[in-house]
């Protein structure tokens, strides 16, 4: 009986070790995706600013044309 219990515990320990390993791999994958997403978000910030500058330039050109008449 004792040998059977030891074998069962060894099998459970092996299964738990496998689950821990898979959890660590999942954590690494999630961290990698978070870093990549942060890099994409940082690279995107100039678009709204550029749109605002183009709008201001168009407004300035319109005002200049109206003042020139």
PDB file of N, CA and C in Angstrom:
ATOM      1  N   UNK A   1       0.822  -1.194   0.000  1.00  0.00           N
ATOM      2  CA  UNK A   1       0.000   0.000   0.000  1.00  0.00           C
ATOM      3  C   UNK A   1       0.871   1.267   0.000  1.00  0.00           C
ATOM      4  N   UNK A   2       1.944   1.181   0.776  1.00  0.00           N
ATOM      5  CA  UNK A   2       2.829   2.339   0.870  1.00  0.00           C
ATOM      6  C   UNK A   2       3.460   2.657  -0.486  1.00  0.00           C
ATOM      7  N   UNK A   3       3.878   1.649  -1.201  1.00  0.00           N
ATOM      8  CA  UNK A   3       4.474   1.838  -2.529  1.00  0.00           C
ATOM      9  C   UNK A   3       3.472   2.412  -3.513  1.00  0.00           C
ATOM     10  N   UNK A   4       2.236   2.002  -3.403  1.00  0.00           N
ATOM     11  CA  UNK A   4       1.196   2.519  -4.287  1.00  0.00           C
ATOM     12  C   UNK A   4       0.958   4.000  -4.030  1.00  0.00           C
ATOM     13  N   UNK A   5       0.949   4.365  -2.740  1.00  0.00           N
ATOM     14  CA  UNK A   5       0.749   5.777  -2.393  1.00  0.00           C
ATOM     15  C   UNK A   5       1.932   6.623  -2.867  1.00  0.00           C
ATOM     16  N   UNK A   6       3.144   6.127  -2.717  1.00  0.00           N
ATOM     17  CA  UNK A   6       4.321   6.868  -3.166  1.00  0.00           C
ATOM     18  C   UNK A   6       4.292   7.060  -4.680  1.00  0.00           C
ATOM     19  N   UNK A   7       3.895   6.026  -5.387  1.00  0.00           N
ATOM     20  CA  UNK A   7       3.802   6.128  -6.851  1.00  0.00           C
ATOM     21  C   UNK A   7       2.722   7.136  -7.238  1.00  0.00           C
ATOM     22  N   UNK A   8       1.615   7.130  -6.525  1.00  0.00           N
ATOM     23  CA  UNK A   8       0.541   8.089  -6.806  1.00  0.00           C
ATOM     24  C   UNK A   8       0.986   9.513  -6.545  1.00  0.00           C
ATOM     25  N   UNK A   9       1.678   9.711  -5.420  1.00  0.00           N
ATOM     26  CA  UNK A   9       2.178  11.061  -5.111  1.00  0.00           C
ATOM     27  C   UNK A   9       3.206  11.523  -6.136  1.00  0.00           C
ATOM     28  N   UNK A  10       4.045  10.616  -6.591  1.00  0.00           N
ATOM     29  CA  UNK A  10       5.046  10.975  -7.608  1.00  0.00           C
ATOM     30  C   UNK A  10       4.347  11.391  -8.900  1.00  0.00           C
ATOM     31  N   UNK A  11       3.283  10.674  -9.271  1.00  0.00           N
ATOM     32  CA  UNK A  11       2.544  11.013 -10.477  1.00  0.00           C
ATOM     33  C   UNK A  11       1.860  12.378 -10.322  1.00  0.00           C
ATOM     34  N   UNK A  12       1.305  12.642  -9.155  1.00  0.00           N
ATOM     35  CA  UNK A  12       0.658  13.934  -8.903  1.00  0.00           C
ATOM     36  C   UNK A  12       1.697  15.046  -8.912  1.00  0.00           C
ATOM     37  N   UNK A  13       2.861  14.812  -8.305  1.00  0.00           N
ATOM     38  CA  UNK A  13       3.930  15.817  -8.318  1.00  0.00           C
ATOM     39  C   UNK A  13       4.383  16.121  -9.741  1.00  0.00           C
ATOM     40  N   UNK A  14       4.488  15.108 -10.573  1.00  0.00           N
ATOM     41  CA  UNK A  14       4.868  15.315 -11.970  1.00  0.00           C
ATOM     42  C   UNK A  14       3.823  16.129 -12.717  1.00  0.00           C
ATOM     43  N   UNK A  15       2.558  15.836 -12.452  1.00  0.00           N
ATOM     44  CA  UNK A  15       1.488  16.595 -13.111  1.00  0.00           C
ATOM     45  C   UNK A  15       1.489  18.045 -12.665  1.00  0.00           C
ATOM     46  N   UNK A  16       1.708  18.262 -11.379  1.00  0.00           N
ATOM     47  CA  UNK A  16       1.765  19.642 -10.870  1.00  0.00           C
ATOM     48  C   UNK A  16       2.952  20.398 -11.446  1.00  0.00           C
ATOM     49  N   UNK A  17       4.089  19.733 -11.576  1.00  0.00           N
ATOM     50  CA  UNK A  17       5.263  20.384 -12.165  1.00  0.00           C
ATOM     51  C   UNK A  17       4.980  20.777 -13.614  1.00  0.00           C
ATOM     52  N   UNK A  18       4.281  19.916 -14.338  1.00  0.00           N
ATOM     53  CA  UNK A  18       3.930  20.226 -15.727  1.00  0.00           C
ATOM     54  C   UNK A  18       2.992  21.429 -15.785  1.00  0.00           C
ATOM     55  N   UNK A  19       2.026  21.483 -14.882  1.00  0.00           N
ATOM     56  CA  UNK A  19       1.103  22.618 -14.845  1.00  0.00           C
ATOM     57  C   UNK A  19       1.827  23.922 -14.509  1.00  0.00           C
ATOM     58  N   UNK A  20       2.773  23.868 -13.597  1.00  0.00           N
ATOM     59  CA  UNK A  20       3.554  25.058 -13.244  1.00  0.00           C
ATOM     60  C   UNK A  20       4.380  25.516 -14.442  1.00  0.00           C
ATOM     61  N   UNK A  21       4.968  24.579 -15.160  1.00  0.00           N
ATOM     62  CA  UNK A  21       5.763  24.925 -16.344  1.00  0.00           C
ATOM     63  C   UNK A  21       4.887  25.589 -17.402  1.00  0.00           C
ATOM     64  N   UNK A  22       3.711  25.041 -17.636  1.00  0.00           N
ATOM     65  CA  UNK A  22       2.802  25.637 -18.618  1.00  0.00           C
ATOM     66  C   UNK A  22       2.340  27.018 -18.172  1.00  0.00           C
ATOM     67  N   UNK A  23       2.118  27.186 -16.883  1.00  0.00           N
ATOM     68  CA  UNK A  23       1.738  28.504 -16.367  1.00  0.00           C
ATOM     69  C   UNK A  23       2.846  29.523 -16.570  1.00  0.00           C
ATOM     70  N   UNK A  24       4.093  29.108 -16.355  1.00  0.00           N
ATOM     71  CA  UNK A  24       5.227  30.009 -16.580  1.00  0.00           C
ATOM     72  C   UNK A  24       5.348  30.400 -18.048  1.00  0.00           C
ATOM     73  N   UNK A  25       5.131  29.437 -18.946  1.00  0.00           N
ATOM     74  CA  UNK A  25       5.191  29.735 -20.376  1.00  0.00           C
ATOM     75  C   UNK A  25       4.074  30.704 -20.770  1.00  0.00           C
ATOM     76  N   UNK A  26       2.905  30.522 -20.195  1.00  0.00           N
ATOM     77  CA  UNK A  26       1.789  31.423 -20.478  1.00  0.00           C
ATOM     78  C   UNK A  26       2.094  32.826 -19.976  1.00  0.00           C
ATOM     79  N   UNK A  27       2.689  32.923 -18.782  1.00  0.00           N
ATOM     80  CA  UNK A  27       3.067  34.240 -18.241  1.00  0.00           C
ATOM     81  C   UNK A  27       4.079  34.935 -19.152  1.00  0.00           C
ATOM     82  N   UNK A  28       5.049  34.189 -19.670  1.00  0.00           N
ATOM     83  CA  UNK A  28       6.040  34.779 -20.571  1.00  0.00           C
ATOM     84  C   UNK A  28       5.378  35.266 -21.863  1.00  0.00           C
ATOM     85  N   UNK A  29       4.451  34.486 -22.380  1.00  0.00           N
ATOM     86  CA  UNK A  29       3.752  34.877 -23.608  1.00  0.00           C
ATOM     87  C   UNK A  29       2.926  36.139 -23.381  1.00  0.00           C
ATOM     88  N   UNK A  30       2.240  36.208 -22.259  1.00  0.00           N
ATOM     89  CA  UNK A  30       1.433  37.388 -21.942  1.00  0.00           C
ATOM     90  C   UNK A  30       2.324  38.615 -21.770  1.00  0.00           C
ATOM     91  N   UNK A  31       3.452  38.462 -21.098  1.00  0.00           N
ATOM     92  CA  UNK A  31       4.380  39.585 -20.931  1.00  0.00           C
ATOM     93  C   UNK A  31       4.909  40.064 -22.280  1.00  0.00           C
ATOM     94  N   UNK A  32       5.221  39.120 -23.178  1.00  0.00           N
ATOM     95  CA  UNK A  32       5.693  39.489 -24.512  1.00  0.00           C
ATOM     96  C   UNK A  32       4.615  40.261 -25.267  1.00  0.00           C
ATOM     97  N   UNK A  33       3.382  39.803 -25.181  1.00  0.00           N
ATOM     98  CA  UNK A  33       2.296  40.500 -25.871  1.00  0.00           C
ATOM     99  C   UNK A  33       2.065  41.885 -25.285  1.00  0.00           C
ATOM    100  N   UNK A  34       2.184  42.027 -23.970  1.00  0.00           N
ATOM    101  CA  UNK A  34       2.029  43.337 -23.340  1.00  0.00           C
ATOM    102  C   UNK A  34       3.110  44.311 -23.825  1.00  0.00           C
ATOM    103  N   UNK A  35       4.361  43.832 -23.915  1.00  0.00           N
ATOM    104  CA  UNK A  35       5.455  44.691 -24.399  1.00  0.00           C
ATOM    105  C   UNK A  35       5.206  45.118 -25.841  1.00  0.00           C
ATOM    106  N   UNK A  36       4.759  44.187 -26.676  1.00  0.00           N
ATOM    107  CA  UNK A  36       4.511  44.515 -28.078  1.00  0.00           C
ATOM    108  C   UNK A  36       3.345  45.490 -28.216  1.00  0.00           C
ATOM    109  N   UNK A  37       2.314  45.317 -27.417  1.00  0.00           N
ATOM    110  CA  UNK A  37       1.167  46.216 -27.459  1.00  0.00           C
ATOM    111  C   UNK A  37       1.560  47.613 -26.984  1.00  0.00           C
ATOM    112  N   UNK A  38       2.372  47.693 -25.942  1.00  0.00           N
ATOM    113  CA  UNK A  38       2.847  48.995 -25.469  1.00  0.00           C
ATOM    114  C   UNK A  38       3.661  49.702 -26.551  1.00  0.00           C
ATOM    115  N   UNK A  39       4.497  48.957 -27.264  1.00  0.00           N
ATOM    116  CA  UNK A  39       5.300  49.552 -28.333  1.00  0.00           C
ATOM    117  C   UNK A  39       4.402  50.087 -29.449  1.00  0.00           C
ATOM    118  N   UNK A  40       3.354  49.357 -29.781  1.00  0.00           N
ATOM    119  CA  UNK A  40       2.420  49.827 -30.810  1.00  0.00           C
ATOM    120  C   UNK A  40       1.680  51.077 -30.361  1.00  0.00           C
ATOM    121  N   UNK A  41       1.276  51.109 -29.105  1.00  0.00           N
ATOM    122  CA  UNK A  41       0.556  52.275 -28.597  1.00  0.00           C
ATOM    123  C   UNK A  41       1.459  53.510 -28.562  1.00  0.00           C
ATOM    124  N   UNK A  42       2.723  53.342 -28.224  1.00  0.00           N
ATOM    125  CA  UNK A  42       3.640  54.475 -28.190  1.00  0.00           C
ATOM    126  C   UNK A  42       3.901  55.018 -29.587  1.00  0.00           C
ATOM    127  N   UNK A  43       3.937  54.148 -30.575  1.00  0.00           N
ATOM    128  CA  UNK A  43       4.196  54.565 -31.945  1.00  0.00           C
ATOM    129  C   UNK A  43       3.009  55.241 -32.600  1.00  0.00           C
ATOM    130  N   UNK A  44       1.852  55.151 -32.014  1.00  0.00           N
ATOM    131  CA  UNK A  44       0.640  55.677 -32.623  1.00  0.00           C
ATOM    132  C   UNK A  44       0.304  57.094 -32.180  1.00  0.00           C
ATOM    133  N   UNK A  45       0.916  57.622 -31.142  1.00  0.00           N
ATOM    134  CA  UNK A  45       0.515  58.906 -30.569  1.00  0.00           C
ATOM    135  C   UNK A  45       0.623  60.079 -31.524  1.00  0.00           C
ATOM    136  N   UNK A  46       1.531  60.139 -32.509  1.00  0.00           N
ATOM    137  CA  UNK A  46       1.621  61.339 -33.341  1.00  0.00           C
ATOM    138  C   UNK A  46       0.417  61.550 -34.266  1.00  0.00           C
ATOM    139  N   UNK A  47      -0.351  60.537 -34.572  1.00  0.00           N
ATOM    140  CA  UNK A  47      -1.447  60.695 -35.522  1.00  0.00           C
ATOM    141  C   UNK A  47      -2.490  61.727 -35.091  1.00  0.00           C
ATOM    142  N   UNK A  48      -2.999  61.717 -33.874  1.00  0.00           N
ATOM    143  CA  UNK A  48      -3.955  62.753 -33.484  1.00  0.00           C
ATOM    144  C   UNK A  48      -3.325  64.146 -33.460  1.00  0.00           C
ATOM    145  N   UNK A  49      -2.070  64.228 -33.043  1.00  0.00           N
ATOM    146  CA  UNK A  49      -1.388  65.519 -33.019  1.00  0.00           C
ATOM    147  C   UNK A  49      -1.196  66.047 -34.435  1.00  0.00           C
ATOM    148  N   UNK A  50      -0.840  65.184 -35.337  1.00  0.00           N
ATOM    149  CA  UNK A  50      -0.661  65.580 -36.735  1.00  0.00           C
ATOM    150  C   UNK A  50      -1.985  66.049 -37.329  1.00  0.00           C
ATOM    151  N   UNK A  51      -3.067  65.357 -37.011  1.00  0.00           N
ATOM    152  CA  UNK A  51      -4.386  65.762 -37.503  1.00  0.00           C
ATOM    153  C   UNK A  51      -4.767  67.139 -36.969  1.00  0.00           C
ATOM    154  N   UNK A  52      -4.450  67.422 -35.718  1.00  0.00           N
ATOM    155  CA  UNK A  52      -4.747  68.733 -35.143  1.00  0.00           C
ATOM    156  C   UNK A  52      -3.918  69.822 -35.833  1.00  0.00           C
ATOM    157  N   UNK A  53      -2.661  69.548 -36.117  1.00  0.00           N
ATOM    158  CA  UNK A  53      -1.816  70.538 -36.783  1.00  0.00           C
ATOM    159  C   UNK A  53      -2.301  70.815 -38.205  1.00  0.00           C
ATOM    160  N   UNK A  54      -2.706  69.786 -38.922  1.00  0.00           N
ATOM    161  CA  UNK A  54      -3.219  69.970 -40.281  1.00  0.00           C
ATOM    162  C   UNK A  54      -4.510  70.781 -40.239  1.00  0.00           C
ATOM    163  N   UNK A  55      -5.356  70.512 -39.267  1.00  0.00           N
ATOM    164  CA  UNK A  55      -6.601  71.276 -39.128  1.00  0.00           C
ATOM    165  C   UNK A  55      -6.319  72.744 -38.845  1.00  0.00           C
ATOM    166  N   UNK A  56      -5.361  73.010 -37.973  1.00  0.00           N
ATOM    167  CA  UNK A  56      -4.998  74.404 -37.673  1.00  0.00           C
ATOM    168  C   UNK A  56      -4.414  75.095 -38.900  1.00  0.00           C
ATOM    169  N   UNK A  57      -3.608  74.367 -39.672  1.00  0.00           N
ATOM    170  CA  UNK A  57      -3.043  74.955 -40.885  1.00  0.00           C
ATOM    171  C   UNK A  57      -4.146  75.270 -41.897  1.00  0.00           C
ATOM    172  N   UNK A  58      -5.129  74.392 -42.039  1.00  0.00           N
ATOM    173  CA  UNK A  58      -6.241  74.642 -42.950  1.00  0.00           C
ATOM    174  C   UNK A  58      -7.069  75.839 -42.477  1.00  0.00           C
ATOM    175  N   UNK A  59      -7.275  75.938 -41.180  1.00  0.00           N
ATOM    176  CA  UNK A  59      -8.006  77.081 -40.628  1.00  0.00           C
ATOM    177  C   UNK A  59      -7.232  78.376 -40.877  1.00  0.00           C
ATOM    178  N   UNK A  60      -5.923  78.323 -40.701  1.00  0.00           N
ATOM    179  CA  UNK A  60      -5.089  79.497 -40.948  1.00  0.00           C
ATOM    180  C   UNK A  60      -5.135  79.915 -42.416  1.00  0.00           C
ATOM    181  N   UNK A  61      -5.069  78.954 -43.326  1.00  0.00           N
ATOM    182  CA  UNK A  61      -5.127  79.262 -44.751  1.00  0.00           C
ATOM    183  C   UNK A  61      -6.484  79.856 -45.115  1.00  0.00           C
ATOM    184  N   UNK A  62      -7.545  79.339 -44.527  1.00  0.00           N
ATOM    185  CA  UNK A  62      -8.891  79.877 -44.799  1.00  0.00           C
ATOM    186  C   UNK A  62      -9.009  81.308 -44.284  1.00  0.00           C
ATOM    187  N   UNK A  63      -8.521  81.550 -43.109  1.00  0.00           N
ATOM    188  CA  UNK A  63      -8.568  82.898 -42.535  1.00  0.00           C
ATOM    189  C   UNK A  63      -7.747  83.880 -43.376  1.00  0.00           C
ATOM    190  N   UNK A  64      -6.590  83.422 -43.879  1.00  0.00           N
ATOM    191  CA  UNK A  64      -5.755  84.259 -44.713  1.00  0.00           C
ATOM    192  C   UNK A  64      -6.477  84.613 -46.020  1.00  0.00           C
ATOM    193  N   UNK A  65      -7.140  83.650 -46.623  1.00  0.00           N
ATOM    194  CA  UNK A  65      -7.884  83.892 -47.852  1.00  0.00           C
ATOM    195  C   UNK A  65      -9.034  84.859 -47.616  1.00  0.00           C
ATOM    196  N   UNK A  66      -9.730  84.710 -46.501  1.00  0.00           N
ATOM    197  CA  UNK A  66     -10.842  85.619 -46.186  1.00  0.00           C
ATOM    198  C   UNK A  66     -10.329  87.031 -45.920  1.00  0.00           C
ATOM    199  N   UNK A  67      -9.185  87.159 -45.309  1.00  0.00           N
ATOM    200  CA  UNK A  67      -8.628  88.478 -45.000  1.00  0.00           C
ATOM    201  C   UNK A  67      -8.075  89.154 -46.267  1.00  0.00           C
ATOM    202  N   UNK A  68      -7.642  88.358 -47.237  1.00  0.00           N
ATOM    203  CA  UNK A  68      -7.069  88.902 -48.463  1.00  0.00           C
ATOM    204  C   UNK A  68      -8.127  89.461 -49.377  1.00  0.00           C
ATOM    205  N   UNK A  69      -9.373  89.134 -49.225  1.00  0.00           N
ATOM    206  CA  UNK A  69     -10.456  89.626 -50.092  1.00  0.00           C
ATOM    207  C   UNK A  69     -10.797  91.006 -49.769  1.00  0.00           C
TER     208      UNK A  69
END
